């Protein structure tokens, strides 16, 4: 089981605002912010119910993009995530829809964050 995921971003302030807006439809909020982490940079932890399981860090040095998939409670949350992420400055990397190659009820949307990380919202529930 994964406890949390974290990755560096090149512009901490821009990415923090992006994730606050893009993750809101999935129920995620900024749970915790650390002014200086182990990398001598700020970090922000987002999550649901007080558990910060999705972290960004301002240490920069972004190399290859990461792929992160977050479970959505239903298909409308996937749609809302996609819309919110685009409005927050993300780039479309796959509109909301079924992805039968991953499973008969796999409904997902993909966006690229300000650093090109591929962020996905996915719902496995049938319509």
Protein backbone atom coordinates (compact mmCIF):
# COMPACT_ATOMS: atom_id res chain seq x y z
CA UNK A 1 0.00 0.00 0.00
CA UNK A 2 1.30 3.46 -0.84
CA UNK A 3 1.34 5.91 2.07
CA UNK A 4 2.15 9.05 0.09
CA UNK A 5 3.65 10.35 -3.16
CA UNK A 6 5.86 13.38 -3.62
CA UNK A 7 7.84 15.00 -6.39
CA UNK A 8 9.73 18.24 -7.05
CA UNK A 9 8.28 21.18 -8.95
CA UNK A 10 10.15 24.02 -10.62
CA UNK A 11 7.89 26.87 -9.44
CA UNK A 12 6.51 26.06 -5.99
CA UNK A 13 4.01 28.94 -5.77
CA UNK A 14 2.53 28.29 -9.23
CA UNK A 15 2.27 24.55 -8.66
CA UNK A 16 0.73 24.98 -5.20
CA UNK A 17 -2.06 27.14 -6.64
CA UNK A 18 -2.51 24.70 -9.55
CA UNK A 19 -2.95 21.69 -7.24
CA UNK A 20 -5.22 23.55 -4.80
CA UNK A 21 -7.63 24.22 -7.68
CA UNK A 22 -7.17 21.05 -9.73
CA UNK A 23 -7.53 18.61 -6.82
CA UNK A 24 -10.51 20.33 -5.13
CA UNK A 25 -13.12 18.40 -7.18
CA UNK A 26 -11.56 15.17 -5.92
CA UNK A 27 -11.98 16.25 -2.30
CA UNK A 28 -8.30 17.08 -1.80
CA UNK A 29 -7.25 20.17 0.15
CA UNK A 30 -3.95 21.61 1.31
CA UNK A 31 -3.49 19.74 4.60
CA UNK A 32 -0.01 20.86 5.56
CA UNK A 33 2.75 23.15 4.39
CA UNK A 34 6.35 22.82 5.55
CA UNK A 35 8.42 26.00 5.10
CA UNK A 36 11.71 24.07 4.75
CA UNK A 37 11.89 20.33 4.11
CA UNK A 38 14.88 17.95 4.03
CA UNK A 39 15.86 19.45 0.67
CA UNK A 40 15.99 22.98 2.16
CA UNK A 41 12.86 23.95 0.22
CA UNK A 42 9.15 24.39 0.96
CA UNK A 43 6.74 21.48 0.61
CA UNK A 44 2.94 21.21 0.44
CA UNK A 45 0.94 18.13 1.36
CA UNK A 46 -2.56 17.64 -0.04
CA UNK A 47 -5.08 15.03 1.00
CA UNK A 48 -8.50 14.08 2.30
CA UNK A 49 -9.50 13.85 5.94
CA UNK A 50 -6.31 15.42 7.28
CA UNK A 51 -3.97 12.87 5.68
CA UNK A 52 -1.40 14.52 3.36
CA UNK A 53 -0.73 11.74 0.84
CA UNK A 54 0.14 13.88 -2.21
CA UNK A 55 3.19 16.14 -1.83
CA UNK A 56 4.99 18.70 -3.97
CA UNK A 57 8.37 20.17 -3.08
CA UNK A 58 9.96 23.41 -4.23
CA UNK A 59 13.46 22.03 -4.65
CA UNK A 60 13.22 22.25 -8.45
CA UNK A 61 15.41 20.06 -10.57
CA UNK A 62 12.52 18.52 -12.46
CA UNK A 63 13.74 15.72 -14.71
CA UNK A 64 11.42 13.20 -16.30
CA UNK A 65 7.72 13.78 -15.69
CA UNK A 66 5.88 11.70 -13.11
CA UNK A 67 2.51 9.99 -13.56
CA UNK A 68 0.15 10.13 -10.61
CA UNK A 69 -3.39 8.69 -10.60
CA UNK A 70 -5.90 9.78 -7.96
CA UNK A 71 -9.13 7.88 -7.34
CA UNK A 72 -12.31 9.90 -7.88
CA UNK A 73 -15.57 9.06 -6.10
CA UNK A 74 -17.56 9.13 -9.36
CA UNK A 75 -17.37 10.09 -13.01
CA UNK A 76 -18.63 13.62 -12.41
CA UNK A 77 -15.65 14.20 -10.11
CA UNK A 78 -13.33 13.09 -12.94
CA UNK A 79 -15.04 15.59 -15.24
CA UNK A 80 -14.80 18.36 -12.63
CA UNK A 81 -11.11 17.60 -12.01
CA UNK A 82 -10.34 17.93 -15.71
CA UNK A 83 -12.24 21.21 -15.98
CA UNK A 84 -10.67 22.67 -12.82
CA UNK A 85 -7.16 21.62 -13.82
CA UNK A 86 -7.48 23.24 -17.25
CA UNK A 87 -8.89 26.42 -15.67
CA UNK A 88 -5.91 26.44 -13.28
CA UNK A 89 -3.44 26.41 -16.18
CA UNK A 90 -3.01 22.70 -16.80
CA UNK A 91 -2.78 21.24 -20.29
CA UNK A 92 -5.12 18.57 -21.57
CA UNK A 93 -3.52 15.15 -21.88
CA UNK A 94 -6.70 13.11 -22.31
CA UNK A 95 -10.29 14.28 -21.98
CA UNK A 96 -12.64 12.51 -19.57
CA UNK A 97 -13.88 9.22 -20.94
CA UNK A 98 -13.79 5.45 -20.81
CA UNK A 99 -10.44 3.75 -21.28
CA UNK A 100 -11.55 0.15 -22.00
CA UNK A 101 -7.95 -0.92 -22.57
CA UNK A 102 -7.52 -0.59 -18.77
CA UNK A 103 -10.85 -2.15 -17.78
CA UNK A 104 -14.53 -2.07 -18.74
CA UNK A 105 -15.46 0.71 -16.28
CA UNK A 106 -12.15 2.62 -16.24
CA UNK A 107 -13.21 6.27 -16.62
CA UNK A 108 -10.37 8.77 -16.47
CA UNK A 109 -9.03 12.17 -17.46
CA UNK A 110 -5.42 13.31 -17.76
CA UNK A 111 -3.79 16.73 -17.45
CA UNK A 112 -0.23 17.96 -17.52
CA UNK A 113 0.67 20.18 -14.57
CA UNK A 114 2.91 23.28 -14.94
CA UNK A 115 6.01 21.04 -15.02
CA UNK A 116 4.60 18.45 -17.44
CA UNK A 117 3.74 15.83 -14.80
CA UNK A 118 0.84 13.66 -16.00
CA UNK A 119 -1.91 13.82 -13.39
CA UNK A 120 -4.88 11.47 -13.76
CA UNK A 121 -8.24 11.23 -12.03
CA UNK A 122 -9.83 7.80 -12.34
CA UNK A 123 -13.13 6.20 -11.38
CA UNK A 124 -13.72 2.44 -11.62
CA UNK A 125 -17.45 2.61 -10.92
CA UNK A 126 -19.86 1.93 -13.75
CA UNK A 127 -21.94 4.90 -14.85
